[in-house]
PDB file of N, CA and C in Angstrom:
ATOM      1  N   MET A   1     -30.703  31.246  33.747  1.00  0.00           N
ATOM      2  CA  MET A   1     -30.150  30.385  34.739  1.00  0.00           C
ATOM      3  C   MET A   1     -29.468  29.216  34.034  1.00  0.00           C
ATOM      4  N   SER A   2     -28.318  28.776  34.524  1.00  0.00           N
ATOM      5  CA  SER A   2     -27.581  27.700  33.872  1.00  0.00           C
ATOM      6  C   SER A   2     -27.895  26.362  34.530  1.00  0.00           C
ATOM      7  N   THR A   3     -27.790  25.345  33.739  1.00  0.00           N
ATOM      8  CA  THR A   3     -28.002  24.001  34.271  1.00  0.00           C
ATOM      9  C   THR A   3     -26.675  23.279  34.324  1.00  0.00           C
ATOM     10  N   PHE A   4     -26.553  22.346  35.212  1.00  0.00           N
ATOM     11  CA  PHE A   4     -25.305  21.618  35.367  1.00  0.00           C
ATOM     12  C   PHE A   4     -25.327  20.262  34.679  1.00  0.00           C
ATOM     13  N   GLY A   5     -26.354  19.961  33.985  1.00  0.00           N
ATOM     14  CA  GLY A   5     -26.461  18.699  33.259  1.00  0.00           C
ATOM     15  C   GLY A   5     -25.912  18.836  31.854  1.00  0.00           C
ATOM     16  N   SER A   6     -26.295  17.945  31.024  1.00  0.00           N
ATOM     17  CA  SER A   6     -25.848  18.009  29.636  1.00  0.00           C
ATOM     18  C   SER A   6     -26.595  19.138  28.927  1.00  0.00           C
ATOM     19  N   PRO A   7     -25.993  19.709  27.904  1.00  0.00           N
ATOM     20  CA  PRO A   7     -26.611  20.844  27.232  1.00  0.00           C
ATOM     21  C   PRO A   7     -27.758  20.458  26.314  1.00  0.00           C
ATOM     22  N   GLY A   8     -28.205  19.272  26.379  1.00  0.00           N
ATOM     23  CA  GLY A   8     -29.302  18.844  25.514  1.00  0.00           C
ATOM     24  C   GLY A   8     -28.885  17.656  24.682  1.00  0.00           C
ATOM     25  N   ALA A   9     -29.717  17.329  23.776  1.00  0.00           N
ATOM     26  CA  ALA A   9     -29.424  16.176  22.925  1.00  0.00           C
ATOM     27  C   ALA A   9     -28.351  16.543  21.904  1.00  0.00           C
ATOM     28  N   LEU A  10     -27.212  15.865  21.973  1.00  0.00           N
ATOM     29  CA  LEU A  10     -26.137  16.080  21.006  1.00  0.00           C
ATOM     30  C   LEU A  10     -26.269  15.059  19.887  1.00  0.00           C
ATOM     31  N   PRO A  11     -25.907  15.447  18.676  1.00  0.00           N
ATOM     32  CA  PRO A  11     -25.970  14.473  17.587  1.00  0.00           C
ATOM     33  C   PRO A  11     -24.951  13.354  17.837  1.00  0.00           C
ATOM     34  N   THR A  12     -25.380  12.142  17.644  1.00  0.00           N
ATOM     35  CA  THR A  12     -24.469  11.017  17.843  1.00  0.00           C
ATOM     36  C   THR A  12     -23.926  10.565  16.499  1.00  0.00           C
ATOM     37  N   THR A  13     -22.665  10.223  16.499  1.00  0.00           N
ATOM     38  CA  THR A  13     -22.049   9.700  15.285  1.00  0.00           C
ATOM     39  C   THR A  13     -21.748   8.237  15.487  1.00  0.00           C
ATOM     40  N   LYS A  14     -22.014   7.469  14.484  1.00  0.00           N
ATOM     41  CA  LYS A  14     -21.768   6.042  14.557  1.00  0.00           C
ATOM     42  C   LYS A  14     -20.391   5.763  13.956  1.00  0.00           C
ATOM     43  N   PRO A  15     -19.496   5.111  14.697  1.00  0.00           N
ATOM     44  CA  PRO A  15     -18.165   4.835  14.146  1.00  0.00           C
ATOM     45  C   PRO A  15     -18.252   3.818  13.007  1.00  0.00           C
ATOM     46  N   THR A  16     -17.393   4.008  12.027  1.00  0.00           N
ATOM     47  CA  THR A  16     -17.361   3.083  10.899  1.00  0.00           C
ATOM     48  C   THR A  16     -16.062   2.277  10.962  1.00  0.00           C
ATOM     49  N   PRO A  17     -16.119   0.993  10.689  1.00  0.00           N
ATOM     50  CA  PRO A  17     -14.906   0.176  10.728  1.00  0.00           C
ATOM     51  C   PRO A  17     -14.008   0.495   9.543  1.00  0.00           C
ATOM     52  N   PRO A  18     -12.705   0.184   9.634  1.00  0.00           N
ATOM     53  CA  PRO A  18     -11.818   0.406   8.495  1.00  0.00           C
ATOM     54  C   PRO A  18     -12.206  -0.492   7.324  1.00  0.00           C
ATOM     55  N   GLN A  19     -11.844  -0.078   6.125  1.00  0.00           N
ATOM     56  CA  GLN A  19     -12.225  -0.833   4.935  1.00  0.00           C
ATOM     57  C   GLN A  19     -11.611  -2.223   4.908  1.00  0.00           C
ATOM     58  N   ARG A  20     -10.361  -2.346   5.299  1.00  0.00           N
ATOM     59  CA  ARG A  20      -9.661  -3.622   5.207  1.00  0.00           C
ATOM     60  C   ARG A  20      -9.716  -4.408   6.511  1.00  0.00           C
ATOM     61  N   GLY A  21     -10.524  -4.004   7.462  1.00  0.00           N
ATOM     62  CA  GLY A  21     -10.632  -4.717   8.722  1.00  0.00           C
ATOM     63  C   GLY A  21      -9.586  -4.236   9.715  1.00  0.00           C
ATOM     64  N   SER A  22      -9.631  -4.771  10.901  1.00  0.00           N
ATOM     65  CA  SER A  22      -8.668  -4.373  11.912  1.00  0.00           C
ATOM     66  C   SER A  22      -7.494  -5.339  11.915  1.00  0.00           C
ATOM     67  N   PHE A  23      -6.390  -4.893  12.420  1.00  0.00           N
ATOM     68  CA  PHE A  23      -5.208  -5.736  12.490  1.00  0.00           C
ATOM     69  C   PHE A  23      -4.430  -5.372  13.746  1.00  0.00           C
ATOM     70  N   PRO A  24      -3.707  -6.329  14.323  1.00  0.00           N
ATOM     71  CA  PRO A  24      -2.963  -6.049  15.549  1.00  0.00           C
ATOM     72  C   PRO A  24      -1.757  -5.162  15.292  1.00  0.00           C
ATOM     73  N   LEU A  25      -1.412  -4.371  16.289  1.00  0.00           N
ATOM     74  CA  LEU A  25      -0.222  -3.534  16.207  1.00  0.00           C
ATOM     75  C   LEU A  25       1.013  -4.399  16.374  1.00  0.00           C
ATOM     76  N   ASP A  26       2.119  -3.918  15.893  1.00  0.00           N
ATOM     77  CA  ASP A  26       3.383  -4.646  15.977  1.00  0.00           C
ATOM     78  C   ASP A  26       4.067  -4.297  17.294  1.00  0.00           C
ATOM     79  N   HIS A  27       3.501  -4.779  18.408  1.00  0.00           N
ATOM     80  CA  HIS A  27       4.031  -4.439  19.735  1.00  0.00           C
ATOM     81  C   HIS A  27       5.440  -4.982  19.946  1.00  0.00           C
ATOM     82  N   ASP A  28       5.753  -6.130  19.361  1.00  0.00           N
ATOM     83  CA  ASP A  28       7.069  -6.741  19.562  1.00  0.00           C
ATOM     84  C   ASP A  28       8.115  -6.219  18.583  1.00  0.00           C
ATOM     85  N   GLY A  29       7.723  -5.361  17.667  1.00  0.00           N
ATOM     86  CA  GLY A  29       8.674  -4.776  16.716  1.00  0.00           C
ATOM     87  C   GLY A  29       9.222  -5.782  15.722  1.00  0.00           C
ATOM     88  N   GLU A  30       8.414  -6.755  15.339  1.00  0.00           N
ATOM     89  CA  GLU A  30       8.877  -7.795  14.424  1.00  0.00           C
ATOM     90  C   GLU A  30       9.214  -7.240  13.045  1.00  0.00           C
ATOM     91  N   CYS A  31       8.520  -6.210  12.600  1.00  0.00           N
ATOM     92  CA  CYS A  31       8.757  -5.628  11.271  1.00  0.00           C
ATOM     93  C   CYS A  31       9.276  -4.192  11.375  1.00  0.00           C
ATOM     94  N   LYS A  32       9.789  -3.829  12.536  1.00  0.00           N
ATOM     95  CA  LYS A  32      10.218  -2.446  12.750  1.00  0.00           C
ATOM     96  C   LYS A  32      11.395  -2.067  11.859  1.00  0.00           C
ATOM     97  N   HIS A  33      12.322  -3.002  11.610  1.00  0.00           N
ATOM     98  CA  HIS A  33      13.474  -2.686  10.775  1.00  0.00           C
ATOM     99  C   HIS A  33      13.059  -2.312   9.356  1.00  0.00           C
ATOM    100  N   VAL A  34      12.063  -3.000   8.823  1.00  0.00           N
ATOM    101  CA  VAL A  34      11.590  -2.691   7.471  1.00  0.00           C
ATOM    102  C   VAL A  34      10.844  -1.362   7.480  1.00  0.00           C
ATOM    103  N   MET A  35      10.072  -1.126   8.534  1.00  0.00           N
ATOM    104  CA  MET A  35       9.310   0.115   8.638  1.00  0.00           C
ATOM    105  C   MET A  35      10.244   1.329   8.713  1.00  0.00           C
ATOM    106  N   THR A  36      11.303   1.246   9.514  1.00  0.00           N
ATOM    107  CA  THR A  36      12.217   2.385   9.634  1.00  0.00           C
ATOM    108  C   THR A  36      12.972   2.621   8.326  1.00  0.00           C
ATOM    109  N   THR A  37      13.315   1.552   7.630  1.00  0.00           N
ATOM    110  CA  THR A  37      13.966   1.705   6.327  1.00  0.00           C
ATOM    111  C   THR A  37      13.035   2.408   5.344  1.00  0.00           C
ATOM    112  N   TYR A  38      11.752   2.029   5.357  1.00  0.00           N
ATOM    113  CA  TYR A  38      10.758   2.659   4.490  1.00  0.00           C
ATOM    114  C   TYR A  38      10.601   4.143   4.839  1.00  0.00           C
ATOM    115  N   LEU A  39      10.501   4.459   6.126  1.00  0.00           N
ATOM    116  CA  LEU A  39      10.342   5.860   6.536  1.00  0.00           C
ATOM    117  C   LEU A  39      11.562   6.690   6.166  1.00  0.00           C
ATOM    118  N   ASN A  40      12.753   6.118   6.270  1.00  0.00           N
ATOM    119  CA  ASN A  40      13.959   6.830   5.852  1.00  0.00           C
ATOM    120  C   ASN A  40      13.955   7.072   4.351  1.00  0.00           C
ATOM    121  N   CYS A  41      13.450   6.109   3.596  1.00  0.00           N
ATOM    122  CA  CYS A  41      13.353   6.275   2.143  1.00  0.00           C
ATOM    123  C   CYS A  41      12.399   7.413   1.800  1.00  0.00           C
ATOM    124  N   ILE A  42      11.255   7.457   2.477  1.00  0.00           N
ATOM    125  CA  ILE A  42      10.276   8.509   2.217  1.00  0.00           C
ATOM    126  C   ILE A  42      10.869   9.883   2.554  1.00  0.00           C
ATOM    127  N   LYS A  43      11.631   9.964   3.645  1.00  0.00           N
ATOM    128  CA  LYS A  43      12.274  11.235   3.998  1.00  0.00           C
ATOM    129  C   LYS A  43      13.304  11.627   2.958  1.00  0.00           C
ATOM    130  N   LYS A  44      14.056  10.635   2.457  1.00  0.00           N
ATOM    131  CA  LYS A  44      15.127  10.913   1.498  1.00  0.00           C
ATOM    132  C   LYS A  44      14.570  11.469   0.192  1.00  0.00           C
ATOM    133  N   VAL A  45      13.444  10.929  -0.270  1.00  0.00           N
ATOM    134  CA  VAL A  45      12.875  11.375  -1.551  1.00  0.00           C
ATOM    135  C   VAL A  45      11.818  12.458  -1.350  1.00  0.00           C
ATOM    136  N   LYS A  46      11.687  12.930  -0.119  1.00  0.00           N
ATOM    137  CA  LYS A  46      10.765  14.023   0.221  1.00  0.00           C
ATOM    138  C   LYS A  46       9.324  13.700  -0.160  1.00  0.00           C
ATOM    139  N   GLY A  47       8.895  12.471   0.109  1.00  0.00           N
ATOM    140  CA  GLY A  47       7.505  12.090  -0.082  1.00  0.00           C
ATOM    141  C   GLY A  47       7.108  11.717  -1.490  1.00  0.00           C
ATOM    142  N   VAL A  48       8.050  11.731  -2.431  1.00  0.00           N
ATOM    143  CA  VAL A  48       7.741  11.370  -3.809  1.00  0.00           C
ATOM    144  C   VAL A  48       7.581   9.847  -3.885  1.00  0.00           C
ATOM    145  N   ASN A  49       6.662   9.390  -4.690  1.00  0.00           N
ATOM    146  CA  ASN A  49       6.362   7.964  -4.817  1.00  0.00           C
ATOM    147  C   ASN A  49       7.409   7.283  -5.689  1.00  0.00           C
ATOM    148  N   GLU A  50       8.570   6.964  -5.118  1.00  0.00           N
ATOM    149  CA  GLU A  50       9.657   6.324  -5.855  1.00  0.00           C
ATOM    150  C   GLU A  50       9.494   4.815  -5.833  1.00  0.00           C
ATOM    151  N   ASP A  51      10.025   4.147  -6.858  1.00  0.00           N
ATOM    152  CA  ASP A  51       9.926   2.695  -6.953  1.00  0.00           C
ATOM    153  C   ASP A  51      10.637   2.022  -5.784  1.00  0.00           C
ATOM    154  N   GLN A  52      11.766   2.576  -5.381  1.00  0.00           N
ATOM    155  CA  GLN A  52      12.522   1.996  -4.266  1.00  0.00           C
ATOM    156  C   GLN A  52      11.673   1.992  -2.988  1.00  0.00           C
ATOM    157  N   CYS A  53      10.978   3.073  -2.721  1.00  0.00           N
ATOM    158  CA  CYS A  53      10.136   3.163  -1.525  1.00  0.00           C
ATOM    159  C   CYS A  53       8.912   2.268  -1.651  1.00  0.00           C
ATOM    160  N   ARG A  54       8.372   2.133  -2.857  1.00  0.00           N
ATOM    161  CA  ARG A  54       7.234   1.224  -3.054  1.00  0.00           C
ATOM    162  C   ARG A  54       7.629  -0.208  -2.752  1.00  0.00           C
ATOM    163  N   GLN A  55       8.838  -0.606  -3.158  1.00  0.00           N
ATOM    164  CA  GLN A  55       9.307  -1.964  -2.884  1.00  0.00           C
ATOM    165  C   GLN A  55       9.500  -2.178  -1.384  1.00  0.00           C
ATOM    166  N   LEU A  56       9.950  -1.149  -0.672  1.00  0.00           N
ATOM    167  CA  LEU A  56      10.086  -1.257   0.779  1.00  0.00           C
ATOM    168  C   LEU A  56       8.717  -1.367   1.447  1.00  0.00           C
ATOM    169  N   ALA A  57       7.736  -0.630   0.935  1.00  0.00           N
ATOM    170  CA  ALA A  57       6.385  -0.731   1.477  1.00  0.00           C
ATOM    171  C   ALA A  57       5.822  -2.126   1.237  1.00  0.00           C
ATOM    172  N   LYS A  58       6.110  -2.667   0.082  1.00  0.00           N
ATOM    173  CA  LYS A  58       5.657  -4.021  -0.239  1.00  0.00           C
ATOM    174  C   LYS A  58       6.314  -5.045   0.683  1.00  0.00           C
ATOM    175  N   SER A  59       7.606  -4.870   0.959  1.00  0.00           N
ATOM    176  CA  SER A  59       8.285  -5.806   1.853  1.00  0.00           C
ATOM    177  C   SER A  59       7.774  -5.657   3.281  1.00  0.00           C
ATOM    178  N   TYR A  60       7.409  -4.444   3.683  1.00  0.00           N
ATOM    179  CA  TYR A  60       6.834  -4.248   5.017  1.00  0.00           C
ATOM    180  C   TYR A  60       5.493  -4.968   5.138  1.00  0.00           C
ATOM    181  N   LEU A  61       4.651  -4.833   4.127  1.00  0.00           N
ATOM    182  CA  LEU A  61       3.362  -5.515   4.158  1.00  0.00           C
ATOM    183  C   LEU A  61       3.535  -7.033   4.128  1.00  0.00           C
ATOM    184  N   SER A  62       4.500  -7.528   3.356  1.00  0.00           N
ATOM    185  CA  SER A  62       4.726  -8.969   3.331  1.00  0.00           C
ATOM    186  C   SER A  62       5.269  -9.450   4.667  1.00  0.00           C
ATOM    187  N   CYS A  63       6.088  -8.640   5.346  1.00  0.00           N
ATOM    188  CA  CYS A  63       6.569  -8.982   6.686  1.00  0.00           C
ATOM    189  C   CYS A  63       5.398  -9.107   7.648  1.00  0.00           C
ATOM    190  N   ARG A  64       4.470  -8.167   7.574  1.00  0.00           N
ATOM    191  CA  ARG A  64       3.288  -8.214   8.452  1.00  0.00           C
ATOM    192  C   ARG A  64       2.418  -9.427   8.135  1.00  0.00           C
ATOM    193  N   MET A  65       2.290  -9.766   6.854  1.00  0.00           N
ATOM    194  CA  MET A  65       1.470 -10.924   6.486  1.00  0.00           C
ATOM    195  C   MET A  65       2.116 -12.228   6.949  1.00  0.00           C
ATOM    196  N   GLU A  66       3.453 -12.315   6.828  1.00  0.00           N
ATOM    197  CA  GLU A  66       4.154 -13.533   7.237  1.00  0.00           C
ATOM    198  C   GLU A  66       4.056 -13.771   8.740  1.00  0.00           C
ATOM    199  N   ARG A  67       3.970 -12.706   9.516  1.00  0.00           N
ATOM    200  CA  ARG A  67       3.933 -12.838  10.971  1.00  0.00           C
ATOM    201  C   ARG A  67       2.509 -12.729  11.532  1.00  0.00           C
ATOM    202  N   ASN A  68       1.521 -12.848  10.653  1.00  0.00           N
ATOM    203  CA  ASN A  68       0.101 -12.801  11.025  1.00  0.00           C
ATOM    204  C   ASN A  68      -0.283 -11.507  11.747  1.00  0.00           C
ATOM    205  N   LEU A  69       0.344 -10.400  11.349  1.00  0.00           N
ATOM    206  CA  LEU A  69      -0.034  -9.091  11.877  1.00  0.00           C
ATOM    207  C   LEU A  69      -1.086  -8.430  10.998  1.00  0.00           C
ATOM    208  N   MET A  70      -1.353  -9.041   9.859  1.00  0.00           N
ATOM    209  CA  MET A  70      -2.449  -8.610   8.994  1.00  0.00           C
ATOM    210  C   MET A  70      -2.850  -9.800   8.134  1.00  0.00           C
ATOM    211  N   ALA A  71      -4.034  -9.739   7.590  1.00  0.00           N
ATOM    212  CA  ALA A  71      -4.540 -10.847   6.772  1.00  0.00           C
ATOM    213  C   ALA A  71      -3.743 -10.933   5.472  1.00  0.00           C
ATOM    214  N   LYS A  72      -3.493 -12.141   5.037  1.00  0.00           N
ATOM    215  CA  LYS A  72      -2.796 -12.338   3.772  1.00  0.00           C
ATOM    216  C   LYS A  72      -3.710 -11.908   2.627  1.00  0.00           C
ATOM    217  N   ASP A  73      -3.126 -11.187   1.675  1.00  0.00           N
ATOM    218  CA  ASP A  73      -3.891 -10.682   0.549  1.00  0.00           C
ATOM    219  C   ASP A  73      -2.956 -10.508  -0.629  1.00  0.00           C
ATOM    220  N   ASP A  74      -3.506 -10.477  -1.825  1.00  0.00           N
ATOM    221  CA  ASP A  74      -2.706 -10.214  -3.016  1.00  0.00           C
ATOM    222  C   ASP A  74      -2.269  -8.757  -3.002  1.00  0.00           C
ATOM    223  N   PHE A  75      -1.065  -8.525  -3.502  1.00  0.00           N
ATOM    224  CA  PHE A  75      -0.557  -7.157  -3.518  1.00  0.00           C
ATOM    225  C   PHE A  75      -1.340  -6.268  -4.470  1.00  0.00           C
ATOM    226  N   LYS A  76      -1.948  -6.851  -5.495  1.00  0.00           N
ATOM    227  CA  LYS A  76      -2.762  -6.032  -6.403  1.00  0.00           C
ATOM    228  C   LYS A  76      -3.974  -5.465  -5.671  1.00  0.00           C
ATOM    229  N   ASN A  77      -4.455  -6.172  -4.633  1.00  0.00           N
ATOM    230  CA  ASN A  77      -5.567  -5.667  -3.830  1.00  0.00           C
ATOM    231  C   ASN A  77      -5.119  -4.606  -2.833  1.00  0.00           C
ATOM    232  N   LEU A  78      -3.812  -4.509  -2.613  1.00  0.00           N
ATOM    233  CA  LEU A  78      -3.270  -3.523  -1.683  1.00  0.00           C
ATOM    234  C   LEU A  78      -2.718  -2.300  -2.396  1.00  0.00           C
ATOM    235  N   GLY A  79      -2.968  -2.199  -3.695  1.00  0.00           N
ATOM    236  CA  GLY A  79      -2.567  -1.007  -4.437  1.00  0.00           C
ATOM    237  C   GLY A  79      -1.269  -1.141  -5.196  1.00  0.00           C
ATOM    238  N   PHE A  80      -0.710  -2.343  -5.270  1.00  0.00           N
ATOM    239  CA  PHE A  80       0.529  -2.547  -6.014  1.00  0.00           C
ATOM    240  C   PHE A  80       0.205  -3.161  -7.362  1.00  0.00           C
ATOM    241  N   LYS A  81       0.926  -2.719  -8.392  1.00  0.00           N
ATOM    242  CA  LYS A  81       0.756  -3.285  -9.721  1.00  0.00           C
ATOM    243  C   LYS A  81       1.485  -4.612  -9.787  1.00  0.00           C
ATOM    244  N   GLU A  82       1.088  -5.415 -10.769  1.00  0.00           N
ATOM    245  CA  GLU A  82       1.791  -6.666 -10.997  1.00  0.00           C
ATOM    246  C   GLU A  82       3.222  -6.358 -11.435  1.00  0.00           C
ATOM    247  N   ASP A  83       4.154  -7.242 -11.095  1.00  0.00           N
ATOM    248  CA  ASP A  83       5.531  -7.054 -11.530  1.00  0.00           C
ATOM    249  C   ASP A  83       5.577  -7.106 -13.045  1.00  0.00           C
ATOM    250  N   PRO A  84       6.333  -6.186 -13.661  1.00  0.00           N
ATOM    251  CA  PRO A  84       6.391  -6.193 -15.128  1.00  0.00           C
ATOM    252  C   PRO A  84       7.028  -7.488 -15.620  1.00  0.00           C
ATOM    253  N   LYS A  85       6.459  -8.021 -16.692  1.00  0.00           N
ATOM    254  CA  LYS A  85       6.983  -9.250 -17.285  1.00  0.00           C
ATOM    255  C   LYS A  85       8.279  -8.929 -18.018  1.00  0.00           C
ATOM    256  N   PRO A  86       9.299  -9.779 -17.868  1.00  0.00           N
ATOM    257  CA  PRO A  86      10.540  -9.517 -18.610  1.00  0.00           C
ATOM    258  C   PRO A  86      10.294  -9.645 -20.108  1.00  0.00           C
ATOM    259  N   ALA A  87      10.936  -8.783 -20.874  1.00  0.00           N
ATOM    260  CA  ALA A  87      10.773  -8.796 -22.319  1.00  0.00           C
ATOM    261  C   ALA A  87      11.350 -10.087 -22.885  1.00  0.00           C
ATOM    262  N   SER A  88      10.673 -10.661 -23.837  1.00  0.00           N
ATOM    263  CA  SER A  88      11.155 -11.914 -24.422  1.00  0.00           C
ATOM    264  C   SER A  88      12.420 -11.635 -25.220  1.00  0.00           C
ATOM    265  N   SER A  89      13.320 -12.612 -25.197  1.00  0.00           N
ATOM    266  CA  SER A  89      14.601 -12.428 -25.877  1.00  0.00           C
ATOM    267  C   SER A  89      14.453 -12.523 -27.389  1.00  0.00           C
ATOM    268  N   GLN A  90      13.392 -13.165 -27.866  1.00  0.00           N
ATOM    269  CA  GLN A  90      13.186 -13.299 -29.301  1.00  0.00           C
ATOM    270  C   GLN A  90      12.160 -12.267 -29.753  1.00  0.00           C
ATOM    271  N   ASN A  91      12.642 -11.167 -30.310  1.00  0.00           N
ATOM    272  CA  ASN A  91      11.733 -10.152 -30.844  1.00  0.00           C
ATOM    273  C   ASN A  91      11.443 -10.507 -32.289  1.00  0.00           C
ATOM    274  N   ASP A  92      10.201 -10.754 -32.584  1.00  0.00           N
ATOM    275  CA  ASP A  92       9.792 -11.097 -33.929  1.00  0.00           C
ATOM    276  C   ASP A  92       9.698  -9.806 -34.745  1.00  0.00           C
ATOM    277  N   SER A  93      10.514  -9.696 -35.763  1.00  0.00           N
ATOM    278  CA  SER A  93      10.551  -8.448 -36.537  1.00  0.00           C
ATOM    279  C   SER A  93       9.240  -8.206 -37.274  1.00  0.00           C
ATOM    280  N   SER A  94       8.463  -9.261 -37.536  1.00  0.00           N
ATOM    281  CA  SER A  94       7.194  -9.048 -38.211  1.00  0.00           C
ATOM    282  C   SER A  94       6.196  -8.355 -37.288  1.00  0.00           C
ATOM    283  N   GLU A  95       6.394  -8.448 -35.993  1.00  0.00           N
ATOM    284  CA  GLU A  95       5.511  -7.791 -35.044  1.00  0.00           C
ATOM    285  C   GLU A  95       5.875  -6.320 -34.854  1.00  0.00           C
ATOM    286  N   GLN A  96       7.057  -5.918 -35.278  1.00  0.00           N
ATOM    287  CA  GLN A  96       7.478  -4.531 -35.155  1.00  0.00           C
ATOM    288  C   GLN A  96       6.784  -3.714 -36.221  1.00  0.00           C
ATOM    289  N   GLY A  97       6.177  -2.630 -35.827  1.00  0.00           N
ATOM    290  CA  GLY A  97       5.472  -1.779 -36.775  1.00  0.00           C
ATOM    291  C   GLY A  97       6.272  -0.532 -37.087  1.00  0.00           C
ATOM    292  N   VAL A  98       5.808   0.189 -38.070  1.00  0.00           N
ATOM    293  CA  VAL A  98       6.413   1.458 -38.444  1.00  0.00           C
ATOM    294  C   VAL A  98       5.583   2.546 -37.799  1.00  0.00           C
ATOM    295  N   LYS A  99       6.245   3.615 -37.339  1.00  0.00           N
ATOM    296  CA  LYS A  99       5.536   4.708 -36.683  1.00  0.00           C
ATOM    297  C   LYS A  99       4.471   5.275 -37.617  1.00  0.00           C
ATOM    298  N   GLY A 100       3.255   5.374 -37.133  1.00  0.00           N
ATOM    299  CA  GLY A 100       2.166   5.909 -37.916  1.00  0.00           C
ATOM    300  C   GLY A 100       1.412   4.840 -38.691  1.00  0.00           C
ATOM    301  N   GLU A 101       1.892   3.597 -38.670  1.00  0.00           N
ATOM    302  CA  GLU A 101       1.258   2.518 -39.412  1.00  0.00           C
ATOM    303  C   GLU A 101       0.053   1.988 -38.620  1.00  0.00           C
ATOM    304  N   LEU A 102      -1.051   1.759 -39.315  1.00  0.00           N
ATOM    305  CA  LEU A 102      -2.222   1.175 -38.676  1.00  0.00           C
ATOM    306  C   LEU A 102      -2.121  -0.332 -38.763  1.00  0.00           C
ATOM    307  N   ARG A 103      -2.319  -0.996 -37.647  1.00  0.00           N
ATOM    308  CA  ARG A 103      -2.252  -2.453 -37.599  1.00  0.00           C
ATOM    309  C   ARG A 103      -3.614  -3.001 -37.279  1.00  0.00           C
ATOM    310  N   TRP A 104      -4.050  -4.024 -37.966  1.00  0.00           N
ATOM    311  CA  TRP A 104      -5.352  -4.634 -37.702  1.00  0.00           C
ATOM    312  C   TRP A 104      -5.186  -5.937 -37.060  1.00  0.00           C
TER     313      TRP A 104
END
Protein backbone atom coordinates (compact mmCIF):
# COMPACT_ATOMS: atom_id res chain seq x y z
CA MET A 1 0.00 0.00 0.00
CA SER A 2 1.36 3.47 -0.83
CA THR A 3 1.45 6.43 1.45
CA PHE A 4 0.83 9.99 0.40
CA GLY A 5 3.26 11.56 2.84
CA SER A 6 6.97 11.94 2.57
CA PRO A 7 8.92 8.80 1.69
CA GLY A 8 10.76 8.86 4.98
CA ALA A 9 13.68 10.68 6.39
CA LEU A 10 15.76 12.17 3.57
CA PRO A 11 19.37 13.12 4.17
CA THR A 12 19.67 16.85 4.68
CA THR A 13 22.51 18.85 3.21
CA LYS A 14 23.74 21.98 4.84
CA PRO A 15 24.50 24.79 2.37
CA THR A 16 27.99 26.22 2.50
CA PRO A 17 28.69 29.91 1.90
CA PRO A 18 31.02 30.99 -0.93
CA GLN A 19 34.69 31.31 -0.04
CA ARG A 20 34.94 35.03 -0.78
CA GLY A 21 31.56 35.96 0.71
CA SER A 22 28.46 37.14 -1.06
CA PHE A 23 28.25 40.16 -3.30
CA PRO A 24 25.39 42.02 -4.97
CA LEU A 25 24.53 41.40 -8.60
CA ASP A 26 25.09 44.16 -11.12
CA HIS A 27 21.38 44.87 -11.67
CA ASP A 28 22.02 48.35 -13.09
CA GLY A 29 24.65 47.11 -15.56
CA GLU A 30 27.34 49.43 -14.23
CA CYS A 31 30.15 47.08 -15.34
CA LYS A 32 28.33 45.36 -18.19
CA HIS A 33 30.48 46.96 -20.91
CA VAL A 34 33.65 45.51 -19.39
CA MET A 35 32.00 42.14 -18.85
CA THR A 36 30.85 41.86 -22.49
CA THR A 37 34.30 42.86 -23.72
CA TYR A 38 35.82 40.13 -21.52
CA LEU A 39 33.34 37.51 -22.76
CA ASN A 40 34.06 38.45 -26.38
CA CYS A 41 37.78 38.08 -25.68
CA ILE A 42 37.24 34.61 -24.20
CA LYS A 43 35.20 33.60 -27.27
CA LYS A 44 37.87 34.98 -29.61
CA VAL A 45 40.70 32.99 -28.01
CA LYS A 46 38.48 29.92 -27.52
CA GLY A 47 38.88 29.83 -23.74
CA VAL A 48 42.68 30.02 -23.67
CA ASN A 49 44.07 32.05 -20.76
CA GLU A 50 45.49 34.98 -22.76
CA ASP A 51 47.09 38.02 -21.15
CA GLN A 52 44.66 40.34 -22.93
CA CYS A 53 41.67 38.52 -21.42
CA ARG A 54 43.30 38.44 -17.98
CA GLN A 55 43.68 42.23 -18.10
CA LEU A 56 40.00 42.56 -19.03
CA ALA A 57 39.05 40.31 -16.11
CA LYS A 58 41.16 42.47 -13.84
CA SER A 59 39.47 45.63 -15.11
CA TYR A 60 36.05 44.02 -14.58
CA LEU A 61 36.90 43.18 -10.98
CA SER A 62 38.26 46.69 -10.38
CA CYS A 63 35.04 48.13 -11.86
CA ARG A 64 33.02 46.04 -9.40
CA MET A 65 35.25 47.12 -6.50
CA GLU A 66 35.00 50.81 -7.43
CA ARG A 67 31.20 50.65 -7.49
CA ASN A 68 30.95 48.65 -4.23
CA LEU A 69 29.59 45.57 -6.01
CA MET A 70 32.25 43.50 -4.27
CA ALA A 71 34.65 44.00 -1.39
CA LYS A 72 37.91 45.72 -2.20
CA ASP A 73 40.81 43.29 -2.20
CA ASP A 74 44.34 42.99 -3.56
CA PHE A 75 44.52 41.45 -6.99
CA LYS A 76 47.11 38.94 -5.77
CA ASN A 77 44.37 37.56 -3.48
CA LEU A 78 42.07 37.24 -6.50
CA GLY A 79 44.48 35.08 -8.48
CA PHE A 80 46.41 37.75 -10.37
CA LYS A 81 50.19 37.96 -10.29
CA GLU A 82 51.97 41.16 -9.46
CA ASP A 83 52.74 43.34 -12.48
CA PRO A 84 56.22 42.54 -13.76
CA LYS A 85 58.81 45.11 -12.75
CA PRO A 86 60.34 46.98 -15.69
CA ALA A 87 63.92 45.95 -16.37
CA SER A 88 66.45 48.48 -15.14
CA SER A 89 68.13 50.48 -17.86
CA GLN A 90 71.57 50.00 -16.30
CA ASN A 91 72.59 46.37 -16.72
CA ASP A 92 75.67 45.72 -14.66
CA SER A 93 77.92 43.50 -16.75
CA SER A 94 79.49 42.03 -13.62
CA GLU A 95 76.10 40.56 -12.74
CA GLN A 96 75.86 38.80 -16.11
CA GLY A 97 76.98 35.21 -15.86
CA VAL A 98 78.23 32.72 -18.39
CA LYS A 99 76.00 29.78 -19.26
CA GLY A 100 76.88 26.85 -17.04
CA GLU A 101 78.78 29.03 -14.55
CA LEU A 102 78.06 28.48 -10.86
CA ARG A 103 77.50 31.68 -8.93
CA TRP A 104 77.74 31.92 -5.15
